[in-house]
Amino acid sequence: MNDDLDMSEIYDVIIVGAGTAGTYMGWLLGKLGHSVLVMDKDERNKVGNRLDIIHFETDRIEKAGIPPFKVGNPDCLEIRDKSRVVTPDFEKTITTQAFQTIVRLSYFLQRMYKVVESDGVTLKFSCQFLDLIFENDKIIGVKIEENGQRREVKARLVIDTSGTSGVIRTNLPPDYGVETFKLGPQDVMYVLLQYLKWSKPEDPHPISDTSHIYYLLWFGPSHMEDSAILG
């Protein structure tokens, strides 16, 4: 590995983290004419693989300007307008109105990467954030490692969308005026998800998208046949 810093680059904005927040933020800024770099430590096809199924409120998609989903495409499982809630005694199932688009996260990100690149945003993957660059106590860029080579990338604005790790925030000086503590196991909310495969799908079983609010669990849609996600 080359320990020397070289090959300085300059952007208006650097965004660390190419998940949904970082990708969308980069896209908005890119469409406004700013030069934007969105970088992520993971390989391009592995971002979002830690999760799978996510839900969007359907009306938010149009409001956000996100290109519409189409059922049957790799990133869209279902678009629905109803959901089910079972009473605590299991005697009744109530149909509720719920406008939801069921999405596979990694496939959605891969689609959005092409969109944001077409609007002039630069994406870098397998690109590790190392440290912040300061000048007169102001952040002016980041030090990164890509393909075994370290270098500096300068920007007018650096945005941290790295998730709970908060790699930018936690690398700020203690006296910078921003909380720099790392999140511990007691500082985050856990949602437990288990993929179920019905051994006898012809027998009665909970219908996909059925909530048992009293017991804080639900059966959500899965991308596999005769299966569900128990949350």
C-alpha atoms as a PDB file:
ATOM      1  CA  MET A   1       0.000   0.000   0.000  1.00  0.00           C
ATOM      2  CA  ASN A   2       1.246   3.488  -0.830  1.00  0.00           C
ATOM      3  CA  ASP A   3       1.177   5.626   2.338  1.00  0.00           C
ATOM      4  CA  ASP A   4       1.690   8.882   0.444  1.00  0.00           C
ATOM      5  CA  LEU A   5      -1.256  11.183  -0.140  1.00  0.00           C
ATOM      6  CA  ASP A   6      -1.535  12.433  -3.701  1.00  0.00           C
ATOM      7  CA  MET A   7      -3.900  12.992  -6.634  1.00  0.00           C
ATOM      8  CA  SER A   8      -5.993  15.746  -5.029  1.00  0.00           C
ATOM      9  CA  GLU A   9      -9.562  16.076  -6.350  1.00  0.00           C
ATOM     10  CA  ILE A  10     -11.997  18.937  -5.780  1.00  0.00           C
ATOM     11  CA  TYR A  11     -15.823  18.826  -5.609  1.00  0.00           C
ATOM     12  CA  ASP A  12     -18.514  21.117  -4.299  1.00  0.00           C
ATOM     13  CA  VAL A  13     -19.847  18.334  -2.061  1.00  0.00           C
ATOM     14  CA  ILE A  14     -18.506  15.024  -0.731  1.00  0.00           C
ATOM     15  CA  ILE A  15     -21.031  12.552   0.693  1.00  0.00           C
ATOM     16  CA  VAL A  16     -19.722   9.602   2.711  1.00  0.00           C
ATOM     17  CA  GLY A  17     -22.175   6.699   2.471  1.00  0.00           C
ATOM     18  CA  ALA A  18     -23.997   5.541  -0.670  1.00  0.00           C
ATOM     19  CA  GLY A  19     -27.116   4.124   0.941  1.00  0.00           C
ATOM     20  CA  THR A  20     -30.560   5.593   0.358  1.00  0.00           C
ATOM     21  CA  ALA A  21     -29.876   8.873   2.199  1.00  0.00           C
ATOM     22  CA  GLY A  22     -26.497   9.565   0.618  1.00  0.00           C
ATOM     23  CA  THR A  23     -27.585   8.581  -2.874  1.00  0.00           C
ATOM     24  CA  TYR A  24     -30.728  10.712  -2.735  1.00  0.00           C
ATOM     25  CA  MET A  25     -28.930  13.715  -1.250  1.00  0.00           C
ATOM     26  CA  GLY A  26     -26.230  13.469  -3.911  1.00  0.00           C
ATOM     27  CA  TRP A  27     -28.863  13.260  -6.632  1.00  0.00           C
ATOM     28  CA  LEU A  28     -30.704  16.373  -5.425  1.00  0.00           C
ATOM     29  CA  LEU A  29     -27.493  18.388  -5.228  1.00  0.00           C
ATOM     30  CA  GLY A  30     -26.257  17.088  -8.574  1.00  0.00           C
ATOM     31  CA  LYS A  31     -29.477  18.141 -10.291  1.00  0.00           C
ATOM     32  CA  LEU A  32     -28.942  21.643  -8.903  1.00  0.00           C
ATOM     33  CA  GLY A  33     -25.658  21.821 -10.758  1.00  0.00           C
ATOM     34  CA  HIS A  34     -23.228  21.090  -7.927  1.00  0.00           C
ATOM     35  CA  SER A  35     -20.271  18.784  -8.474  1.00  0.00           C
ATOM     36  CA  VAL A  36     -20.874  15.873  -6.104  1.00  0.00           C
ATOM     37  CA  LEU A  37     -18.891  12.822  -5.017  1.00  0.00           C
ATOM     38  CA  VAL A  38     -20.775  10.028  -3.227  1.00  0.00           C
ATOM     39  CA  MET A  39     -18.431   7.375  -1.812  1.00  0.00           C
ATOM     40  CA  ASP A  40     -18.930   4.078   0.007  1.00  0.00           C
ATOM     41  CA  LYS A  41     -16.607   1.513   1.578  1.00  0.00           C
ATOM     42  CA  ASP A  42     -18.554  -1.424   0.104  1.00  0.00           C
ATOM     43  CA  GLU A  43     -18.381  -2.750  -3.425  1.00  0.00           C
ATOM     44  CA  ARG A  44     -21.018  -1.293  -5.747  1.00  0.00           C
ATOM     45  CA  ASN A  45     -23.125  -4.465  -5.947  1.00  0.00           C
ATOM     46  CA  LYS A  46     -22.959  -5.076  -2.185  1.00  0.00           C
ATOM     47  CA  VAL A  47     -24.331  -1.795  -0.839  1.00  0.00           C
ATOM     48  CA  GLY A  48     -27.652  -2.499   0.859  1.00  0.00           C
ATOM     49  CA  ASN A  49     -27.117  -6.262   1.050  1.00  0.00           C
ATOM     50  CA  ARG A  50     -27.310  -6.209   4.849  1.00  0.00           C
ATOM     51  CA  LEU A  51     -31.021  -5.567   4.414  1.00  0.00           C
ATOM     52  CA  ASP A  52     -33.455  -6.731   1.760  1.00  0.00           C
ATOM     53  CA  ILE A  53     -37.145  -5.838   1.813  1.00  0.00           C
ATOM     54  CA  ILE A  54     -38.071  -2.241   2.657  1.00  0.00           C
ATOM     55  CA  HIS A  55     -41.392  -0.392   2.433  1.00  0.00           C
ATOM     56  CA  PHE A  56     -42.026   3.050   0.937  1.00  0.00           C
ATOM     57  CA  GLU A  57     -45.201   5.031   1.460  1.00  0.00           C
ATOM     58  CA  THR A  58     -46.323   5.197  -2.157  1.00  0.00           C
ATOM     59  CA  ASP A  59     -47.220   8.888  -2.210  1.00  0.00           C
ATOM     60  CA  ARG A  60     -43.746   9.792  -0.911  1.00  0.00           C
ATOM     61  CA  ILE A  61     -42.108   8.283  -3.989  1.00  0.00           C
ATOM     62  CA  GLU A  62     -43.732  10.777  -6.334  1.00  0.00           C
ATOM     63  CA  LYS A  63     -43.208  13.669  -3.911  1.00  0.00           C
ATOM     64  CA  ALA A  64     -39.503  12.802  -3.718  1.00  0.00           C
ATOM     65  CA  GLY A  65     -39.243  12.701  -7.500  1.00  0.00           C
ATOM     66  CA  ILE A  66     -37.976   9.125  -7.489  1.00  0.00           C
ATOM     67  CA  PRO A  67     -38.540   7.350 -10.821  1.00  0.00           C
ATOM     68  CA  PRO A  68     -41.667   5.165 -10.467  1.00  0.00           C
ATOM     69  CA  PHE A  69     -41.513   1.505  -9.531  1.00  0.00           C
ATOM     70  CA  LYS A  70     -42.987  -1.254 -11.652  1.00  0.00           C
ATOM     71  CA  VAL A  71     -44.085  -4.588 -10.204  1.00  0.00           C
ATOM     72  CA  GLY A  72     -42.097  -7.355 -11.846  1.00  0.00           C
ATOM     73  CA  ASN A  73     -38.874  -5.377 -12.041  1.00  0.00           C
ATOM     74  CA  PRO A  74     -36.094  -6.678  -9.763  1.00  0.00           C
ATOM     75  CA  ASP A  75     -36.494  -3.826  -7.266  1.00  0.00           C
ATOM     76  CA  CYS A  76     -40.290  -3.938  -6.818  1.00  0.00           C
ATOM     77  CA  LEU A  77     -42.205  -6.817  -5.225  1.00  0.00           C
ATOM     78  CA  GLU A  78     -45.621  -5.259  -4.789  1.00  0.00           C
ATOM     79  CA  ILE A  79     -47.621  -2.026  -4.756  1.00  0.00           C
ATOM     80  CA  ARG A  80     -50.617  -2.199  -2.430  1.00  0.00           C
ATOM     81  CA  ASP A  81     -53.323  -0.011  -1.003  1.00  0.00           C
ATOM     82  CA  LYS A  82     -54.537  -2.243   1.850  1.00  0.00           C
ATOM     83  CA  SER A  83     -53.136  -4.010   4.886  1.00  0.00           C
ATOM     84  CA  ARG A  84     -54.511  -6.352   7.569  1.00  0.00           C
ATOM     85  CA  VAL A  85     -54.534  -6.133  11.353  1.00  0.00           C
ATOM     86  CA  VAL A  86     -55.539  -9.068  13.573  1.00  0.00           C
ATOM     87  CA  THR A  87     -57.231  -8.413  16.919  1.00  0.00           C
ATOM     88  CA  PRO A  88     -55.481  -9.641  20.116  1.00  0.00           C
ATOM     89  CA  ASP A  89     -57.968 -12.523  20.514  1.00  0.00           C
ATOM     90  CA  PHE A  90     -57.321 -13.629  16.899  1.00  0.00           C
ATOM     91  CA  GLU A  91     -61.071 -13.493  16.265  1.00  0.00           C
ATOM     92  CA  LYS A  92     -61.153 -10.705  13.676  1.00  0.00           C
ATOM     93  CA  THR A  93     -59.016  -9.419  10.835  1.00  0.00           C
ATOM     94  CA  ILE A  94     -59.447  -5.735  10.060  1.00  0.00           C
ATOM     95  CA  THR A  95     -58.583  -4.391   6.621  1.00  0.00           C
ATOM     96  CA  THR A  96     -56.921  -0.989   6.766  1.00  0.00           C
ATOM     97  CA  GLN A  97     -55.905   1.493   4.095  1.00  0.00           C
ATOM     98  CA  ALA A  98     -52.144   1.465   3.561  1.00  0.00           C
ATOM     99  CA  PHE A  99     -50.540   2.760   0.382  1.00  0.00           C
ATOM    100  CA  GLN A 100     -47.210   0.960   0.300  1.00  0.00           C
ATOM    101  CA  THR A 101     -44.605   0.042  -2.294  1.00  0.00           C
ATOM    102  CA  ILE A 102     -42.588  -3.032  -1.346  1.00  0.00           C
ATOM    103  CA  VAL A 103     -38.998  -2.704  -2.529  1.00  0.00           C
ATOM    104  CA  ARG A 104     -35.791  -4.761  -2.544  1.00  0.00           C
ATOM    105  CA  LEU A 105     -33.185  -2.333  -1.268  1.00  0.00           C
ATOM    106  CA  SER A 106     -30.047  -3.454  -3.091  1.00  0.00           C
ATOM    107  CA  TYR A 107     -31.790  -3.633  -6.469  1.00  0.00           C
ATOM    108  CA  PHE A 108     -33.322  -0.214  -5.858  1.00  0.00           C
ATOM    109  CA  LEU A 109     -29.908   1.277  -5.107  1.00  0.00           C
ATOM    110  CA  GLN A 110     -28.414  -0.256  -8.254  1.00  0.00           C
ATOM    111  CA  ARG A 111     -31.187   1.383 -10.292  1.00  0.00           C
ATOM    112  CA  MET A 112     -30.692   4.731  -8.557  1.00  0.00           C
ATOM    113  CA  TYR A 113     -26.929   4.667  -9.101  1.00  0.00           C
ATOM    114  CA  LYS A 114     -27.519   4.757 -12.852  1.00  0.00           C
ATOM    115  CA  VAL A 115     -29.992   7.608 -12.417  1.00  0.00           C
ATOM    116  CA  VAL A 116     -27.690   9.763 -10.283  1.00  0.00           C
ATOM    117  CA  GLU A 117     -24.715   9.131 -12.564  1.00  0.00           C
ATOM    118  CA  SER A 118     -26.789  10.278 -15.539  1.00  0.00           C
ATOM    119  CA  ASP A 119     -27.298  13.562 -13.669  1.00  0.00           C
ATOM    120  CA  GLY A 120     -23.571  14.111 -13.259  1.00  0.00           C
ATOM    121  CA  VAL A 121     -22.924  12.698  -9.781  1.00  0.00           C
ATOM    122  CA  THR A 122     -19.614  10.850  -9.301  1.00  0.00           C
ATOM    123  CA  LEU A 123     -19.846   7.538  -7.423  1.00  0.00           C
ATOM    124  CA  LYS A 124     -16.869   5.746  -5.879  1.00  0.00           C
ATOM    125  CA  PHE A 125     -17.129   2.304  -4.283  1.00  0.00           C
ATOM    126  CA  SER A 126     -14.626   0.209  -2.301  1.00  0.00           C
ATOM    127  CA  CYS A 127     -13.508   3.660  -1.192  1.00  0.00           C
ATOM    128  CA  GLN A 128     -12.571   3.967   2.485  1.00  0.00           C
ATOM    129  CA  PHE A 129     -12.846   7.187   4.485  1.00  0.00           C
ATOM    130  CA  LEU A 130      -9.682   7.697   6.536  1.00  0.00           C
ATOM    131  CA  ASP A 131      -9.796  11.152   8.071  1.00  0.00           C
ATOM    132  CA  LEU A 132     -10.994  14.724   7.720  1.00  0.00           C
ATOM    133  CA  ILE A 133      -8.904  17.559   6.314  1.00  0.00           C
ATOM    134  CA  PHE A 134      -9.013  20.883   8.168  1.00  0.00           C
ATOM    135  CA  GLU A 135      -7.855  24.368   7.282  1.00  0.00           C
ATOM    136  CA  ASN A 136      -8.232  27.122   9.878  1.00  0.00           C
ATOM    137  CA  ASP A 137     -10.568  24.823  11.853  1.00  0.00           C
ATOM    138  CA  LYS A 138     -12.835  24.397   8.824  1.00  0.00           C
ATOM    139  CA  ILE A 139     -13.457  21.047   7.117  1.00  0.00           C
ATOM    140  CA  ILE A 140     -12.179  21.305   3.553  1.00  0.00           C
ATOM    141  CA  GLY A 141     -12.157  17.641   2.503  1.00  0.00           C
ATOM    142  CA  VAL A 142     -11.412  14.037   3.371  1.00  0.00           C
ATOM    143  CA  LYS A 143      -8.541  11.586   3.147  1.00  0.00           C
ATOM    144  CA  ILE A 144      -9.540   8.360   1.420  1.00  0.00           C
ATOM    145  CA  GLU A 145      -8.082   5.040   0.354  1.00  0.00           C
ATOM    146  CA  GLU A 146      -9.106   3.517  -2.970  1.00  0.00           C
ATOM    147  CA  ASN A 147      -7.448   0.593  -4.747  1.00  0.00           C
ATOM    148  CA  GLY A 148      -4.617   0.608  -2.209  1.00  0.00           C
ATOM    149  CA  GLN A 149      -3.844   4.262  -2.842  1.00  0.00           C
ATOM    150  CA  ARG A 150      -4.373   7.094  -0.384  1.00  0.00           C
ATOM    151  CA  ARG A 151      -5.212  10.600  -1.490  1.00  0.00           C
ATOM    152  CA  GLU A 152      -6.993  13.786  -0.550  1.00  0.00           C
ATOM    153  CA  VAL A 153     -10.357  14.890  -1.891  1.00  0.00           C
ATOM    154  CA  LYS A 154     -11.370  18.505  -1.265  1.00  0.00           C
ATOM    155  CA  ALA A 155     -14.885  19.966  -1.039  1.00  0.00           C
ATOM    156  CA  ARG A 156     -16.818  23.001   0.170  1.00  0.00           C
ATOM    157  CA  LEU A 157     -19.192  20.707   2.072  1.00  0.00           C
ATOM    158  CA  VAL A 158     -18.768  17.203   3.560  1.00  0.00           C
ATOM    159  CA  ILE A 159     -21.927  15.253   4.464  1.00  0.00           C
ATOM    160  CA  ASP A 160     -22.035  12.186   6.722  1.00  0.00           C
ATOM    161  CA  THR A 161     -24.613   9.613   5.568  1.00  0.00           C
ATOM    162  CA  SER A 162     -22.664   6.615   6.847  1.00  0.00           C
ATOM    163  CA  GLY A 163     -25.489   5.407   9.075  1.00  0.00           C
ATOM    164  CA  THR A 164     -25.140   4.468  12.731  1.00  0.00           C
ATOM    165  CA  SER A 165     -21.337   4.302  12.443  1.00  0.00           C
ATOM    166  CA  GLY A 166     -21.222   8.064  11.831  1.00  0.00           C
ATOM    167  CA  VAL A 167     -17.646   7.961  10.547  1.00  0.00           C
ATOM    168  CA  ILE A 168     -17.491  11.712   9.903  1.00  0.00           C
ATOM    169  CA  ARG A 169     -19.223  12.785  13.105  1.00  0.00           C
ATOM    170  CA  THR A 170     -17.149  10.488  15.330  1.00  0.00           C
ATOM    171  CA  ASN A 171     -13.900  11.754  13.762  1.00  0.00           C
ATOM    172  CA  LEU A 172     -14.543  15.397  14.597  1.00  0.00           C
ATOM    173  CA  PRO A 173     -12.379  17.029  17.283  1.00  0.00           C
ATOM    174  CA  PRO A 174     -13.944  16.807  20.768  1.00  0.00           C
ATOM    175  CA  ASP A 175     -14.216  20.609  20.957  1.00  0.00           C
ATOM    176  CA  TYR A 176     -15.832  21.033  17.514  1.00  0.00           C
ATOM    177  CA  GLY A 177     -19.297  21.589  18.967  1.00  0.00           C
ATOM    178  CA  VAL A 178     -20.810  18.336  17.681  1.00  0.00           C
ATOM    179  CA  GLU A 179     -21.403  15.136  19.668  1.00  0.00           C
ATOM    180  CA  THR A 180     -18.661  12.671  18.714  1.00  0.00           C
ATOM    181  CA  PHE A 181     -19.589   9.610  20.785  1.00  0.00           C
ATOM    182  CA  LYS A 182     -20.073   6.275  19.045  1.00  0.00           C
ATOM    183  CA  LEU A 183     -23.446   4.565  19.329  1.00  0.00           C
ATOM    184  CA  GLY A 184     -23.417   1.563  21.637  1.00  0.00           C
ATOM    185  CA  PRO A 185     -25.796  -1.409  21.833  1.00  0.00           C
ATOM    186  CA  GLN A 186     -28.142   0.535  24.133  1.00  0.00           C
ATOM    187  CA  ASP A 187     -28.369   3.509  21.759  1.00  0.00           C
ATOM    188  CA  VAL A 188     -30.027   1.847  18.772  1.00  0.00           C
ATOM    189  CA  MET A 189     -33.358   0.151  18.088  1.00  0.00           C
ATOM    190  CA  TYR A 190     -33.327  -3.475  16.982  1.00  0.00           C
ATOM    191  CA  VAL A 191     -35.883  -4.998  14.634  1.00  0.00           C
ATOM    192  CA  LEU A 192     -35.690  -8.779  14.429  1.00  0.00           C
ATOM    193  CA  LEU A 193     -36.543 -10.304  11.048  1.00  0.00           C
ATOM    194  CA  GLN A 194     -36.800 -14.006  10.255  1.00  0.00           C
ATOM    195  CA  TYR A 195     -37.464 -15.481   6.833  1.00  0.00           C
ATOM    196  CA  LEU A 196     -40.091 -18.228   6.993  1.00  0.00           C
ATOM    197  CA  LYS A 197     -40.766 -20.914   4.408  1.00  0.00           C
ATOM    198  CA  TRP A 198     -44.188 -22.512   4.744  1.00  0.00           C
ATOM    199  CA  SER A 199     -43.630 -26.279   4.906  1.00  0.00           C
ATOM    200  CA  LYS A 200     -47.269 -26.888   3.931  1.00  0.00           C
ATOM    201  CA  PRO A 201     -48.312 -23.822   1.918  1.00  0.00           C
ATOM    202  CA  GLU A 202     -51.634 -25.430   1.046  1.00  0.00           C
ATOM    203  CA  ASP A 203     -52.649 -25.380   4.737  1.00  0.00           C
ATOM    204  CA  PRO A 204     -54.049 -22.220   6.397  1.00  0.00           C
ATOM    205  CA  HIS A 205     -51.311 -19.804   7.461  1.00  0.00           C
ATOM    206  CA  PRO A 206     -50.941 -16.042   8.082  1.00  0.00           C
ATOM    207  CA  ILE A 207     -51.407 -14.013   4.924  1.00  0.00           C
ATOM    208  CA  SER A 208     -48.535 -11.807   3.849  1.00  0.00           C
ATOM    209  CA  ASP A 209     -48.816  -8.267   5.209  1.00  0.00           C
ATOM    210  CA  THR A 210     -50.727  -9.194   8.349  1.00  0.00           C
ATOM    211  CA  SER A 211     -49.952  -7.306  11.574  1.00  0.00           C
ATOM    212  CA  HIS A 212     -50.496  -8.438  15.149  1.00  0.00           C
ATOM    213  CA  ILE A 213     -49.990  -5.037  16.745  1.00  0.00           C
ATOM    214  CA  TYR A 214     -50.816  -6.211  20.267  1.00  0.00           C
ATOM    215  CA  TYR A 215     -47.965  -8.733  20.087  1.00  0.00           C
ATOM    216  CA  LEU A 216     -45.629  -6.331  18.218  1.00  0.00           C
ATOM    217  CA  LEU A 217     -45.148  -8.663  15.274  1.00  0.00           C
ATOM    218  CA  TRP A 218     -46.137  -8.893  11.653  1.00  0.00           C
ATOM    219  CA  PHE A 219     -45.894 -11.168   8.651  1.00  0.00           C
ATOM    220  CA  GLY A 220     -44.437  -9.208   5.763  1.00  0.00           C
ATOM    221  CA  PRO A 221     -43.986 -10.039   2.071  1.00  0.00           C
ATOM    222  CA  SER A 222     -40.936 -12.013   0.991  1.00  0.00           C
ATOM    223  CA  HIS A 223     -39.273 -12.299  -2.410  1.00  0.00           C
ATOM    224  CA  MET A 224     -39.305 -16.112  -2.124  1.00  0.00           C
ATOM    225  CA  GLU A 225     -42.225 -18.345  -3.051  1.00  0.00           C
ATOM    226  CA  ASP A 226     -44.432 -19.709  -0.244  1.00  0.00           C
ATOM    227  CA  SER A 227     -42.625 -17.631   2.353  1.00  0.00           C
ATOM    228  CA  ALA A 228     -42.924 -14.562   4.555  1.00  0.00           C
ATOM    229  CA  ILE A 229     -40.823 -12.331   6.756  1.00  0.00           C
ATOM    230  CA  LEU A 230     -41.668 -12.520  10.462  1.00  0.00           C
ATOM    231  CA  GLY A 231     -40.848  -9.247  12.166  1.00  0.00           C
END
